[in-house]
Amino acid sequence: MKFNPDIHHRRSIRLGDYDYSSNGMYFVTICTQDRAMLFGEIVGADSISAQMVLNDAGKMIESLYQDAIHQFYGVASVKHIVMPNHFHGIIAIDRADVAIDRADMESAPTLSGVIQSFKRNTTIKYIHAVKEEKFPPFSKRIWQRNYFERIIRDEAEYQRI
């Protein structure tokens, strides 16, 4: 069924008055569609020494995340982890050392821009690998339509995350 704004009432989960290109740190979670276990497995889950073991698809996700982060000036990955069916990352945007003019503000990286780039590039590469029978197939899409984010407001919150 095509999207019909009269029937489908999608509400943004983002803060309406917050500028997601402003300096700060953001905790992000991106889940696979239907929570499909595409990126590896957790070995020893019942022990204290549990470990995430990435498969080739998970390694590709790891690599393309770094690529997505590095294509934006003033954006850095603080920490991240690829899990079997989702991804967690702390993304920092820091443009404090940039002389900002009006034109630059329009091209400032936003959190959603970074996530869109990451999801687009990983989807394209994953589809190619499925066609070459290197990665397991998926149903309809790799990633869920949205992502979860939390603005990290202070050191205590950063430490909890």
N, C-alpha and C. Protein backbone atom coordinates (compact mmCIF):
# COMPACT_ATOMS: atom_id res chain seq x y z
N MET A 1 0.84 -1.17 0.00
CA MET A 1 0.00 0.00 0.00
C MET A 1 0.89 1.24 0.00
N LYS A 2 0.59 2.17 -0.89
CA LYS A 2 1.34 3.42 -0.95
C LYS A 2 1.01 4.30 0.24
N PHE A 3 1.98 5.15 0.57
CA PHE A 3 1.79 6.08 1.69
C PHE A 3 0.70 7.08 1.34
N ASN A 4 -0.27 7.19 2.22
CA ASN A 4 -1.36 8.14 2.07
C ASN A 4 -1.42 8.95 3.36
N PRO A 5 -1.10 10.24 3.31
CA PRO A 5 -1.05 11.04 4.54
C PRO A 5 -2.40 11.16 5.24
N ASP A 6 -3.52 10.91 4.53
CA ASP A 6 -4.83 10.97 5.16
C ASP A 6 -5.10 9.74 6.03
N ILE A 7 -4.45 8.62 5.70
CA ILE A 7 -4.66 7.38 6.44
C ILE A 7 -3.50 7.11 7.40
N HIS A 8 -2.30 7.30 6.89
CA HIS A 8 -1.10 7.01 7.66
C HIS A 8 -0.65 8.27 8.40
N HIS A 9 -0.59 8.16 9.67
CA HIS A 9 -0.23 9.32 10.49
C HIS A 9 1.13 9.07 11.13
N ARG A 10 2.18 9.32 10.37
CA ARG A 10 3.53 9.14 10.88
C ARG A 10 3.94 10.37 11.65
N ARG A 11 4.35 10.14 12.88
CA ARG A 11 4.85 11.24 13.69
C ARG A 11 6.34 11.05 13.87
N SER A 12 7.05 12.13 13.79
CA SER A 12 8.49 12.08 13.99
C SER A 12 8.79 11.81 15.45
N ILE A 13 9.81 10.99 15.69
CA ILE A 13 10.23 10.75 17.07
C ILE A 13 11.35 11.72 17.47
N ARG A 14 11.71 12.63 16.58
CA ARG A 14 12.75 13.62 16.86
C ARG A 14 12.14 14.80 17.64
N LEU A 15 12.97 15.49 18.39
CA LEU A 15 12.53 16.70 19.07
C LEU A 15 12.27 17.77 18.04
N GLY A 16 11.10 18.33 18.04
CA GLY A 16 10.71 19.28 17.01
C GLY A 16 11.51 20.56 16.98
N ASP A 17 11.97 21.01 18.13
CA ASP A 17 12.66 22.29 18.19
C ASP A 17 14.17 22.14 18.37
N TYR A 18 14.70 20.94 18.14
CA TYR A 18 16.13 20.72 18.36
C TYR A 18 16.87 20.71 17.02
N ASP A 19 18.03 21.36 16.99
CA ASP A 19 18.86 21.41 15.80
C ASP A 19 19.86 20.25 15.83
N TYR A 20 19.60 19.22 15.03
CA TYR A 20 20.44 18.03 15.03
C TYR A 20 21.75 18.21 14.26
N SER A 21 22.06 19.44 13.88
CA SER A 21 23.38 19.72 13.33
C SER A 21 24.22 20.47 14.37
N SER A 22 23.63 20.73 15.53
CA SER A 22 24.37 21.47 16.56
C SER A 22 25.39 20.57 17.24
N ASN A 23 26.40 21.20 17.81
CA ASN A 23 27.44 20.47 18.51
C ASN A 23 26.83 19.63 19.63
N GLY A 24 27.31 18.39 19.73
CA GLY A 24 26.82 17.52 20.80
C GLY A 24 27.13 16.08 20.49
N MET A 25 26.74 15.22 21.43
CA MET A 25 26.91 13.79 21.25
C MET A 25 25.53 13.13 21.25
N TYR A 26 25.41 12.12 20.40
CA TYR A 26 24.14 11.46 20.19
C TYR A 26 24.33 9.94 20.26
N PHE A 27 23.51 9.28 21.06
CA PHE A 27 23.53 7.82 21.14
C PHE A 27 22.48 7.30 20.17
N VAL A 28 22.91 6.49 19.22
CA VAL A 28 22.05 6.05 18.12
C VAL A 28 21.92 4.53 18.13
N THR A 29 20.71 4.04 17.88
CA THR A 29 20.46 2.62 17.67
C THR A 29 19.71 2.47 16.36
N ILE A 30 20.22 1.60 15.49
CA ILE A 30 19.59 1.32 14.20
C ILE A 30 19.34 -0.19 14.16
N CYS A 31 18.10 -0.59 13.95
CA CYS A 31 17.74 -2.01 13.97
C CYS A 31 17.50 -2.54 12.56
N THR A 32 17.79 -3.82 12.38
CA THR A 32 17.47 -4.46 11.11
C THR A 32 15.97 -4.66 11.00
N GLN A 33 15.48 -4.73 9.77
CA GLN A 33 14.07 -4.99 9.54
C GLN A 33 13.70 -6.35 10.12
N ASP A 34 12.62 -6.41 10.86
CA ASP A 34 12.13 -7.64 11.49
C ASP A 34 13.16 -8.25 12.44
N ARG A 35 14.12 -7.43 12.89
CA ARG A 35 15.18 -7.87 13.80
C ARG A 35 15.93 -9.09 13.26
N ALA A 36 16.09 -9.12 11.95
CA ALA A 36 16.81 -10.22 11.30
C ALA A 36 18.26 -10.26 11.78
N MET A 37 18.75 -11.44 12.09
CA MET A 37 20.12 -11.63 12.58
C MET A 37 21.05 -11.75 11.37
N LEU A 38 21.52 -10.61 10.87
CA LEU A 38 22.28 -10.57 9.61
C LEU A 38 23.79 -10.40 9.79
N PHE A 39 24.23 -9.91 10.95
CA PHE A 39 25.60 -9.42 11.05
C PHE A 39 26.55 -10.26 11.89
N GLY A 40 26.12 -11.39 12.38
CA GLY A 40 27.00 -12.25 13.17
C GLY A 40 26.26 -12.87 14.32
N GLU A 41 27.00 -13.28 15.34
CA GLU A 41 26.38 -13.93 16.49
C GLU A 41 27.15 -13.61 17.76
N ILE A 42 26.46 -13.78 18.87
CA ILE A 42 27.10 -13.62 20.17
C ILE A 42 27.49 -15.01 20.65
N VAL A 43 28.77 -15.18 20.89
CA VAL A 43 29.30 -16.46 21.34
C VAL A 43 29.48 -16.42 22.86
N GLY A 44 29.03 -17.46 23.53
CA GLY A 44 29.15 -17.51 24.99
C GLY A 44 28.21 -16.57 25.69
N ALA A 45 27.00 -16.42 25.17
CA ALA A 45 26.04 -15.46 25.72
C ALA A 45 25.69 -15.74 27.17
N ASP A 46 25.85 -16.98 27.61
CA ASP A 46 25.51 -17.33 28.98
C ASP A 46 26.66 -17.14 29.96
N SER A 47 27.77 -16.65 29.46
CA SER A 47 28.93 -16.48 30.34
C SER A 47 29.33 -15.02 30.43
N ILE A 48 30.20 -14.74 31.36
CA ILE A 48 30.69 -13.37 31.55
C ILE A 48 31.62 -12.95 30.41
N SER A 49 32.12 -13.92 29.67
CA SER A 49 33.03 -13.62 28.57
C SER A 49 32.34 -13.65 27.20
N ALA A 50 31.05 -13.29 27.18
CA ALA A 50 30.31 -13.25 25.91
C ALA A 50 31.01 -12.32 24.93
N GLN A 51 30.97 -12.69 23.67
CA GLN A 51 31.69 -11.91 22.66
C GLN A 51 30.89 -11.86 21.37
N MET A 52 30.84 -10.70 20.76
CA MET A 52 30.20 -10.53 19.46
C MET A 52 31.19 -10.94 18.38
N VAL A 53 30.76 -11.88 17.54
CA VAL A 53 31.60 -12.34 16.43
C VAL A 53 30.91 -11.91 15.13
N LEU A 54 31.53 -10.98 14.43
CA LEU A 54 30.97 -10.47 13.19
C LEU A 54 31.17 -11.46 12.05
N ASN A 55 30.14 -11.62 11.23
CA ASN A 55 30.32 -12.35 9.98
C ASN A 55 30.77 -11.34 8.92
N ASP A 56 30.86 -11.76 7.66
CA ASP A 56 31.33 -10.83 6.62
C ASP A 56 30.41 -9.63 6.47
N ALA A 57 29.11 -9.84 6.62
CA ALA A 57 28.17 -8.72 6.53
C ALA A 57 28.40 -7.75 7.68
N GLY A 58 28.63 -8.26 8.87
CA GLY A 58 28.91 -7.41 10.02
C GLY A 58 30.19 -6.62 9.86
N LYS A 59 31.19 -7.25 9.28
CA LYS A 59 32.46 -6.55 9.01
C LYS A 59 32.25 -5.43 7.99
N MET A 60 31.40 -5.69 7.01
CA MET A 60 31.08 -4.66 6.02
C MET A 60 30.37 -3.48 6.69
N ILE A 61 29.43 -3.77 7.59
CA ILE A 61 28.71 -2.72 8.32
C ILE A 61 29.70 -1.88 9.11
N GLU A 62 30.60 -2.54 9.80
CA GLU A 62 31.65 -1.85 10.58
C GLU A 62 32.46 -0.90 9.69
N SER A 63 32.90 -1.38 8.56
CA SER A 63 33.73 -0.60 7.65
C SER A 63 32.97 0.60 7.07
N LEU A 64 31.74 0.36 6.64
CA LEU A 64 30.97 1.44 6.03
C LEU A 64 30.51 2.48 7.05
N TYR A 65 30.39 2.09 8.31
CA TYR A 65 30.09 3.08 9.34
C TYR A 65 31.24 4.08 9.44
N GLN A 66 32.46 3.56 9.47
CA GLN A 66 33.63 4.44 9.52
C GLN A 66 33.66 5.36 8.29
N ASP A 67 33.35 4.82 7.12
CA ASP A 67 33.31 5.63 5.90
C ASP A 67 32.27 6.74 6.01
N ALA A 68 31.08 6.39 6.52
CA ALA A 68 30.00 7.38 6.63
C ALA A 68 30.40 8.51 7.58
N ILE A 69 31.02 8.16 8.68
CA ILE A 69 31.45 9.17 9.65
C ILE A 69 32.50 10.10 9.04
N HIS A 70 33.46 9.53 8.33
CA HIS A 70 34.58 10.33 7.81
C HIS A 70 34.21 11.21 6.62
N GLN A 71 33.07 11.00 6.01
CA GLN A 71 32.71 11.85 4.88
C GLN A 71 32.12 13.19 5.31
N PHE A 72 31.86 13.36 6.59
CA PHE A 72 31.30 14.60 7.11
C PHE A 72 32.33 15.31 7.97
N TYR A 73 32.61 16.57 7.66
CA TYR A 73 33.54 17.36 8.45
C TYR A 73 32.89 17.71 9.79
N GLY A 74 33.63 17.54 10.87
CA GLY A 74 33.13 17.88 12.19
C GLY A 74 32.31 16.77 12.83
N VAL A 75 32.32 15.58 12.25
CA VAL A 75 31.58 14.44 12.80
C VAL A 75 32.58 13.35 13.16
N ALA A 76 32.39 12.74 14.33
CA ALA A 76 33.30 11.68 14.79
C ALA A 76 32.51 10.58 15.46
N SER A 77 33.06 9.39 15.41
CA SER A 77 32.51 8.25 16.13
C SER A 77 33.24 8.14 17.45
N VAL A 78 32.50 8.24 18.55
CA VAL A 78 33.10 8.12 19.87
C VAL A 78 33.25 6.64 20.23
N LYS A 79 32.17 5.89 20.08
CA LYS A 79 32.16 4.44 20.30
C LYS A 79 31.06 3.87 19.43
N HIS A 80 31.21 2.60 19.07
CA HIS A 80 30.14 1.91 18.34
C HIS A 80 30.32 0.40 18.47
N ILE A 81 29.24 -0.31 18.19
CA ILE A 81 29.29 -1.76 18.16
C ILE A 81 28.23 -2.28 17.20
N VAL A 82 28.62 -3.25 16.40
CA VAL A 82 27.69 -3.93 15.51
C VAL A 82 27.22 -5.18 16.25
N MET A 83 25.92 -5.36 16.35
CA MET A 83 25.32 -6.52 17.00
C MET A 83 24.64 -7.38 15.92
N PRO A 84 24.18 -8.58 16.27
CA PRO A 84 23.60 -9.45 15.24
C PRO A 84 22.44 -8.82 14.45
N ASN A 85 21.62 -8.02 15.14
CA ASN A 85 20.45 -7.46 14.46
C ASN A 85 20.26 -5.96 14.68
N HIS A 86 21.31 -5.30 15.14
CA HIS A 86 21.22 -3.85 15.30
C HIS A 86 22.62 -3.26 15.44
N PHE A 87 22.63 -1.94 15.52
CA PHE A 87 23.88 -1.20 15.59
C PHE A 87 23.71 -0.12 16.65
N HIS A 88 24.71 0.04 17.52
CA HIS A 88 24.73 1.14 18.50
C HIS A 88 25.95 2.01 18.20
N GLY A 89 25.78 3.31 18.31
CA GLY A 89 26.92 4.20 18.15
C GLY A 89 26.72 5.50 18.90
N ILE A 90 27.83 6.06 19.33
CA ILE A 90 27.80 7.41 19.88
C ILE A 90 28.49 8.29 18.85
N ILE A 91 27.73 9.22 18.32
CA ILE A 91 28.22 10.11 17.27
C ILE A 91 28.37 11.51 17.85
N ALA A 92 29.52 12.13 17.61
CA ALA A 92 29.77 13.49 18.07
C ALA A 92 29.79 14.43 16.88
N ILE A 93 29.09 15.52 17.01
CA ILE A 93 29.16 16.60 16.02
C ILE A 93 29.81 17.77 16.72
N ASP A 94 30.93 18.23 16.16
CA ASP A 94 31.67 19.34 16.75
C ASP A 94 32.19 20.23 15.63
N ARG A 95 31.51 21.30 15.40
CA ARG A 95 31.89 22.23 14.35
C ARG A 95 32.36 23.55 14.96
N ALA A 96 32.81 23.51 16.21
CA ALA A 96 33.19 24.72 16.93
C ALA A 96 34.36 25.45 16.28
N ASP A 97 35.26 24.72 15.61
CA ASP A 97 36.44 25.36 15.03
C ASP A 97 36.21 25.81 13.59
N VAL A 98 34.97 25.76 13.13
CA VAL A 98 34.67 26.13 11.75
C VAL A 98 34.05 27.52 11.72
N ALA A 99 34.57 28.37 10.85
CA ALA A 99 33.95 29.68 10.64
C ALA A 99 32.66 29.43 9.85
N ILE A 100 31.53 29.73 10.46
CA ILE A 100 30.24 29.37 9.86
C ILE A 100 29.61 30.62 9.24
N ASP A 101 29.26 30.49 7.98
CA ASP A 101 28.47 31.53 7.34
C ASP A 101 27.14 30.91 6.92
N ARG A 102 26.26 31.69 6.37
CA ARG A 102 24.92 31.22 6.01
C ARG A 102 24.95 30.02 5.07
N ALA A 103 25.76 30.05 4.05
CA ALA A 103 25.84 28.95 3.09
C ALA A 103 26.37 27.68 3.77
N ASP A 104 27.33 27.85 4.69
CA ASP A 104 27.88 26.71 5.38
C ASP A 104 26.84 26.06 6.30
N MET A 105 25.99 26.86 6.93
CA MET A 105 24.96 26.33 7.81
C MET A 105 24.01 25.42 7.05
N GLU A 106 23.71 25.76 5.79
CA GLU A 106 22.80 24.95 5.00
C GLU A 106 23.41 23.60 4.64
N SER A 107 24.73 23.51 4.65
CA SER A 107 25.37 22.23 4.32
C SER A 107 25.97 21.56 5.55
N ALA A 108 25.65 22.08 6.74
CA ALA A 108 26.18 21.49 7.98
C ALA A 108 25.67 20.06 8.11
N PRO A 109 26.54 19.16 8.55
CA PRO A 109 26.09 17.78 8.72
C PRO A 109 25.05 17.69 9.84
N THR A 110 24.06 16.88 9.61
CA THR A 110 23.06 16.62 10.63
C THR A 110 23.16 15.15 11.02
N LEU A 111 22.63 14.83 12.16
CA LEU A 111 22.62 13.44 12.59
C LEU A 111 21.87 12.59 11.57
N SER A 112 20.74 13.06 11.10
CA SER A 112 19.97 12.26 10.13
C SER A 112 20.72 12.10 8.83
N GLY A 113 21.50 13.10 8.42
CA GLY A 113 22.30 12.98 7.21
C GLY A 113 23.35 11.89 7.32
N VAL A 114 23.99 11.81 8.48
CA VAL A 114 25.00 10.78 8.72
C VAL A 114 24.33 9.40 8.69
N ILE A 115 23.20 9.26 9.36
CA ILE A 115 22.49 7.97 9.41
C ILE A 115 21.99 7.59 8.02
N GLN A 116 21.43 8.54 7.28
CA GLN A 116 20.96 8.24 5.91
C GLN A 116 22.09 7.75 5.04
N SER A 117 23.23 8.38 5.11
CA SER A 117 24.38 7.97 4.32
C SER A 117 24.79 6.55 4.68
N PHE A 118 24.88 6.28 5.97
CA PHE A 118 25.25 4.95 6.45
C PHE A 118 24.26 3.89 5.97
N LYS A 119 22.97 4.14 6.16
CA LYS A 119 21.96 3.15 5.77
C LYS A 119 21.94 2.93 4.25
N ARG A 120 22.06 4.01 3.50
CA ARG A 120 22.04 3.91 2.03
C ARG A 120 23.24 3.10 1.54
N ASN A 121 24.43 3.44 2.00
CA ASN A 121 25.64 2.75 1.53
C ASN A 121 25.68 1.29 1.95
N THR A 122 25.25 0.99 3.17
CA THR A 122 25.25 -0.40 3.61
C THR A 122 24.21 -1.22 2.85
N THR A 123 23.07 -0.62 2.56
CA THR A 123 22.03 -1.34 1.81
C THR A 123 22.51 -1.66 0.41
N ILE A 124 23.11 -0.69 -0.26
CA ILE A 124 23.61 -0.92 -1.63
C ILE A 124 24.65 -2.04 -1.64
N LYS A 125 25.60 -1.96 -0.74
CA LYS A 125 26.66 -2.97 -0.72
C LYS A 125 26.11 -4.35 -0.30
N TYR A 126 25.18 -4.36 0.63
CA TYR A 126 24.60 -5.63 1.07
C TYR A 126 23.83 -6.29 -0.09
N ILE A 127 23.07 -5.52 -0.82
CA ILE A 127 22.31 -6.07 -1.96
C ILE A 127 23.26 -6.68 -2.98
N HIS A 128 24.35 -6.01 -3.30
CA HIS A 128 25.34 -6.56 -4.24
C HIS A 128 25.90 -7.88 -3.74
N ALA A 129 26.19 -7.95 -2.45
CA ALA A 129 26.75 -9.17 -1.87
C ALA A 129 25.72 -10.31 -1.87
N VAL A 130 24.45 -9.99 -1.67
CA VAL A 130 23.41 -11.02 -1.72
C VAL A 130 23.32 -11.58 -3.14
N LYS A 131 23.37 -10.70 -4.14
CA LYS A 131 23.31 -11.14 -5.53
C LYS A 131 24.49 -12.04 -5.89
N GLU A 132 25.62 -11.81 -5.23
CA GLU A 132 26.81 -12.64 -5.45
C GLU A 132 26.84 -13.84 -4.50
N GLU A 133 25.76 -14.01 -3.74
CA GLU A 133 25.61 -15.11 -2.78
C GLU A 133 26.69 -15.13 -1.69
N LYS A 134 27.13 -13.93 -1.30
CA LYS A 134 28.13 -13.80 -0.24
C LYS A 134 27.48 -13.53 1.12
N PHE A 135 26.31 -12.88 1.14
CA PHE A 135 25.61 -12.55 2.36
C PHE A 135 24.24 -13.22 2.35
N PRO A 136 23.68 -13.48 3.54
CA PRO A 136 22.34 -14.08 3.59
C PRO A 136 21.29 -13.10 3.06
N PRO A 137 20.25 -13.61 2.42
CA PRO A 137 19.19 -12.73 1.91
C PRO A 137 18.40 -12.09 3.06
N PHE A 138 17.64 -11.08 2.72
CA PHE A 138 16.84 -10.37 3.71
C PHE A 138 15.44 -10.17 3.13
N SER A 139 14.51 -9.82 3.99
CA SER A 139 13.12 -9.62 3.57
C SER A 139 12.84 -8.13 3.40
N LYS A 140 12.58 -7.72 2.19
CA LYS A 140 12.16 -6.35 1.82
C LYS A 140 13.22 -5.28 2.00
N ARG A 141 13.80 -5.15 3.17
CA ARG A 141 14.80 -4.13 3.43
C ARG A 141 15.73 -4.59 4.54
N ILE A 142 16.90 -4.00 4.62
CA ILE A 142 17.85 -4.39 5.66
C ILE A 142 17.54 -3.67 6.97
N TRP A 143 17.35 -2.37 6.89
CA TRP A 143 17.15 -1.55 8.08
C TRP A 143 15.70 -1.16 8.27
N GLN A 144 15.30 -1.00 9.52
CA GLN A 144 13.98 -0.44 9.80
C GLN A 144 13.94 0.99 9.26
N ARG A 145 12.75 1.50 9.06
CA ARG A 145 12.56 2.81 8.45
C ARG A 145 13.21 3.93 9.26
N ASN A 146 13.23 3.82 10.54
CA ASN A 146 13.70 4.93 11.37
C ASN A 146 14.93 4.51 12.16
N TYR A 147 15.30 5.29 13.12
CA TYR A 147 16.37 4.95 14.05
C TYR A 147 16.05 5.63 15.37
N PHE A 148 16.65 5.14 16.43
CA PHE A 148 16.45 5.72 17.75
C PHE A 148 17.67 6.56 18.09
N GLU A 149 17.42 7.69 18.71
CA GLU A 149 18.54 8.54 19.11
C GLU A 149 18.25 9.15 20.45
N ARG A 150 19.31 9.37 21.18
CA ARG A 150 19.21 10.07 22.46
C ARG A 150 20.31 11.12 22.48
N ILE A 151 19.93 12.33 22.79
CA ILE A 151 20.90 13.41 22.92
C ILE A 151 21.60 13.23 24.26
N ILE A 152 22.92 13.13 24.22
CA ILE A 152 23.69 12.98 25.46
C ILE A 152 23.94 14.38 26.00
N ARG A 153 23.36 14.69 27.13
CA ARG A 153 23.37 16.06 27.63
C ARG A 153 24.48 16.38 28.62
N ASP A 154 25.06 15.34 29.25
CA ASP A 154 26.14 15.62 30.21
C ASP A 154 27.01 14.38 30.40
N GLU A 155 28.07 14.53 31.17
CA GLU A 155 29.04 13.46 31.39
C GLU A 155 28.40 12.25 32.09
N ALA A 156 27.53 12.51 33.04
CA ALA A 156 26.89 11.40 33.77
C ALA A 156 26.06 10.54 32.82
N GLU A 157 25.34 11.18 31.93
CA GLU A 157 24.54 10.44 30.95
C GLU A 157 25.44 9.66 29.99
N TYR A 158 26.53 10.28 29.57
CA TYR A 158 27.50 9.59 28.71
C TYR A 158 28.03 8.33 29.40
N GLN A 159 28.37 8.43 30.66
CA GLN A 159 28.90 7.29 31.40
C GLN A 159 27.85 6.19 31.55
N ARG A 160 26.58 6.55 31.74
CA ARG A 160 25.51 5.54 31.84
C ARG A 160 25.37 4.78 30.52
N ILE A 161 25.45 5.50 29.43
CA ILE A 161 25.30 4.87 28.11
C ILE A 161 26.50 3.99 27.82
